[in-house]
Amino acid sequence: FLGLEGGLIWNSETEVEAMAWIIVLNASGKLGKSRTAGFYLPLETINLLKTGLELGHADELFHGLENSKQGLGTTGILTHGVIDRKNYYTQSVILACIPFTNPELYT
């Protein structure tokens, strides 16, 4: 099983970090977990989040986009496509699999 969930770390009213957790679990109960890199959101996005919007909807409203969650995602928008949604999660998924690729080290 593989789970990915994005989240926000509210450091202050004007400083919010976006990141995601990745969890891998096999049928035997072995667990692997990792976190993506974090990055800080623009103040205008933070202000939209304070109104109750999800990050994807805030991005769409602020940047004038549609379906951003199925496309570039926040990372792709803010990096102008250098790091798209897929690339953002790839390394963390690999890192979450470390206990499975090194079972002798993770009992």
C-alpha atoms as a PDB file:
ATOM      1  CA  PHE A   1       0.000   0.000   0.000  1.00  0.00           C
ATOM      2  CA  LEU A   2       1.197   3.504  -0.758  1.00  0.00           C
ATOM      3  CA  GLY A   3      -0.242   6.705   0.627  1.00  0.00           C
ATOM      4  CA  LEU A   4       0.667  10.282  -0.244  1.00  0.00           C
ATOM      5  CA  GLU A   5      -0.773  13.248   1.577  1.00  0.00           C
ATOM      6  CA  GLY A   6       0.157  16.879   1.199  1.00  0.00           C
ATOM      7  CA  GLY A   7       0.129  19.155   4.184  1.00  0.00           C
ATOM      8  CA  LEU A   8       0.868  22.624   5.444  1.00  0.00           C
ATOM      9  CA  ILE A   9       2.988  23.705   8.379  1.00  0.00           C
ATOM     10  CA  TRP A  10       1.772  27.038   9.722  1.00  0.00           C
ATOM     11  CA  ASN A  11       4.895  28.605  11.231  1.00  0.00           C
ATOM     12  CA  SER A  12       3.145  31.952  11.616  1.00  0.00           C
ATOM     13  CA  GLU A  13       0.296  33.927  10.076  1.00  0.00           C
ATOM     14  CA  THR A  14       2.570  34.922   7.188  1.00  0.00           C
ATOM     15  CA  GLU A  15       4.874  31.907   6.866  1.00  0.00           C
ATOM     16  CA  VAL A  16       3.399  28.614   5.694  1.00  0.00           C
ATOM     17  CA  GLU A  17       5.415  25.643   4.467  1.00  0.00           C
ATOM     18  CA  ALA A  18       3.970  23.120   2.011  1.00  0.00           C
ATOM     19  CA  MET A  19       5.161  19.510   2.142  1.00  0.00           C
ATOM     20  CA  ALA A  20       3.841  15.950   1.898  1.00  0.00           C
ATOM     21  CA  TRP A  21       4.202  12.623   3.685  1.00  0.00           C
ATOM     22  CA  ILE A  22       4.608   9.288   1.908  1.00  0.00           C
ATOM     23  CA  ILE A  23       3.798   6.022   3.685  1.00  0.00           C
ATOM     24  CA  VAL A  24       4.433   2.531   2.275  1.00  0.00           C
ATOM     25  CA  LEU A  25       3.023  -0.538   4.036  1.00  0.00           C
ATOM     26  CA  ASN A  26       3.224  -4.161   2.908  1.00  0.00           C
ATOM     27  CA  ALA A  27       0.953  -7.085   3.795  1.00  0.00           C
ATOM     28  CA  SER A  28       3.370  -8.197   6.546  1.00  0.00           C
ATOM     29  CA  GLY A  29       3.122  -4.846   8.293  1.00  0.00           C
ATOM     30  CA  LYS A  30       6.548  -3.493   7.289  1.00  0.00           C
ATOM     31  CA  LEU A  31       6.387   0.274   7.154  1.00  0.00           C
ATOM     32  CA  GLY A  32       8.389   2.835   5.224  1.00  0.00           C
ATOM     33  CA  LYS A  33       7.878   6.574   5.442  1.00  0.00           C
ATOM     34  CA  SER A  34       9.396   9.728   4.057  1.00  0.00           C
ATOM     35  CA  ARG A  35       8.644  13.395   3.627  1.00  0.00           C
ATOM     36  CA  THR A  36       9.053  15.617   0.605  1.00  0.00           C
ATOM     37  CA  ALA A  37      11.111  18.748   0.663  1.00  0.00           C
ATOM     38  CA  GLY A  38       9.271  21.742   2.030  1.00  0.00           C
ATOM     39  CA  PHE A  39       8.862  25.177   0.501  1.00  0.00           C
ATOM     40  CA  TYR A  40       7.183  28.380   1.572  1.00  0.00           C
ATOM     41  CA  LEU A  41       4.011  29.735   0.017  1.00  0.00           C
ATOM     42  CA  PRO A  42       3.469  33.272  -1.275  1.00  0.00           C
ATOM     43  CA  LEU A  43       1.605  35.584   1.085  1.00  0.00           C
ATOM     44  CA  GLU A  44      -1.356  35.944  -1.289  1.00  0.00           C
ATOM     45  CA  THR A  45      -1.792  32.166  -1.308  1.00  0.00           C
ATOM     46  CA  ILE A  46      -1.610  32.136   2.499  1.00  0.00           C
ATOM     47  CA  ASN A  47      -4.301  34.814   2.665  1.00  0.00           C
ATOM     48  CA  LEU A  48      -6.577  32.687   0.460  1.00  0.00           C
ATOM     49  CA  LEU A  49      -5.922  29.644   2.665  1.00  0.00           C
ATOM     50  CA  LYS A  50      -7.059  31.668   5.682  1.00  0.00           C
ATOM     51  CA  THR A  51     -10.479  32.027   4.027  1.00  0.00           C
ATOM     52  CA  GLY A  52     -10.869  28.239   4.126  1.00  0.00           C
ATOM     53  CA  LEU A  53      -9.752  27.321   0.619  1.00  0.00           C
ATOM     54  CA  GLU A  54      -7.669  24.210  -0.048  1.00  0.00           C
ATOM     55  CA  LEU A  55      -4.197  24.861  -1.453  1.00  0.00           C
ATOM     56  CA  GLY A  56      -5.145  23.671  -4.959  1.00  0.00           C
ATOM     57  CA  HIS A  57      -8.170  25.969  -5.080  1.00  0.00           C
ATOM     58  CA  ALA A  58      -6.159  28.891  -3.698  1.00  0.00           C
ATOM     59  CA  ASP A  59      -3.532  28.304  -6.397  1.00  0.00           C
ATOM     60  CA  GLU A  60      -6.171  28.242  -9.117  1.00  0.00           C
ATOM     61  CA  LEU A  61      -7.797  31.428  -7.906  1.00  0.00           C
ATOM     62  CA  PHE A  62      -4.538  33.320  -7.377  1.00  0.00           C
ATOM     63  CA  HIS A  63      -2.823  32.159 -10.582  1.00  0.00           C
ATOM     64  CA  GLY A  64      -5.928  32.048 -12.797  1.00  0.00           C
ATOM     65  CA  LEU A  65      -5.672  28.305 -13.494  1.00  0.00           C
ATOM     66  CA  GLU A  66      -7.999  25.308 -13.644  1.00  0.00           C
ATOM     67  CA  ASN A  67      -7.352  21.718 -12.518  1.00  0.00           C
ATOM     68  CA  SER A  68      -3.914  22.566 -11.110  1.00  0.00           C
ATOM     69  CA  LYS A  69      -4.071  19.592  -8.729  1.00  0.00           C
ATOM     70  CA  GLN A  70      -4.154  17.224 -11.720  1.00  0.00           C
ATOM     71  CA  GLY A  71      -1.460  19.183 -13.520  1.00  0.00           C
ATOM     72  CA  LEU A  72       1.624  20.958 -12.282  1.00  0.00           C
ATOM     73  CA  GLY A  73       0.506  21.282  -8.678  1.00  0.00           C
ATOM     74  CA  THR A  74       1.792  24.045  -6.435  1.00  0.00           C
ATOM     75  CA  THR A  75       5.430  23.075  -6.963  1.00  0.00           C
ATOM     76  CA  GLY A  76       5.056  23.198 -10.735  1.00  0.00           C
ATOM     77  CA  ILE A  77       3.288  26.525 -10.619  1.00  0.00           C
ATOM     78  CA  LEU A  78       5.883  28.152  -8.378  1.00  0.00           C
ATOM     79  CA  THR A  79       8.915  26.646 -10.176  1.00  0.00           C
ATOM     80  CA  HIS A  80       7.467  27.380 -13.641  1.00  0.00           C
ATOM     81  CA  GLY A  81       7.415  23.663 -14.440  1.00  0.00           C
ATOM     82  CA  VAL A  82      10.982  22.879 -13.367  1.00  0.00           C
ATOM     83  CA  ILE A  83       9.663  20.600 -10.599  1.00  0.00           C
ATOM     84  CA  ASP A  84       6.214  19.309 -11.477  1.00  0.00           C
ATOM     85  CA  ARG A  85       3.909  17.351  -9.212  1.00  0.00           C
ATOM     86  CA  LYS A  86       5.308  13.959 -10.325  1.00  0.00           C
ATOM     87  CA  ASN A  87       8.943  14.977  -9.837  1.00  0.00           C
ATOM     88  CA  TYR A  88       8.166  16.490  -6.448  1.00  0.00           C
ATOM     89  CA  TYR A  89       6.928  13.152  -5.068  1.00  0.00           C
ATOM     90  CA  THR A  90       9.331  10.764  -6.858  1.00  0.00           C
ATOM     91  CA  GLN A  91      12.336  11.030  -4.546  1.00  0.00           C
ATOM     92  CA  SER A  92      10.226  10.761  -1.414  1.00  0.00           C
ATOM     93  CA  VAL A  93       8.473   7.634  -2.671  1.00  0.00           C
ATOM     94  CA  ILE A  94      11.872   6.068  -3.363  1.00  0.00           C
ATOM     95  CA  LEU A  95      13.082   7.072   0.108  1.00  0.00           C
ATOM     96  CA  ALA A  96       9.981   5.598   1.744  1.00  0.00           C
ATOM     97  CA  CYS A  97      10.883   2.270   0.097  1.00  0.00           C
ATOM     98  CA  ILE A  98      14.322   2.098   1.760  1.00  0.00           C
ATOM     99  CA  PRO A  99      13.185  -0.413   4.428  1.00  0.00           C
ATOM    100  CA  PHE A 100      12.021  -2.726   1.628  1.00  0.00           C
ATOM    101  CA  THR A 101      15.214  -2.471  -0.408  1.00  0.00           C
ATOM    102  CA  ASN A 102      17.368  -2.972   2.715  1.00  0.00           C
ATOM    103  CA  PRO A 103      15.315  -5.421   4.795  1.00  0.00           C
ATOM    104  CA  GLU A 104      18.376  -6.576   6.749  1.00  0.00           C
ATOM    105  CA  LEU A 105      18.731  -3.044   8.156  1.00  0.00           C
ATOM    106  CA  TYR A 106      15.055  -2.542   9.056  1.00  0.00           C
ATOM    107  CA  THR A 107      13.620  -5.372  11.130  1.00  0.00           C
END
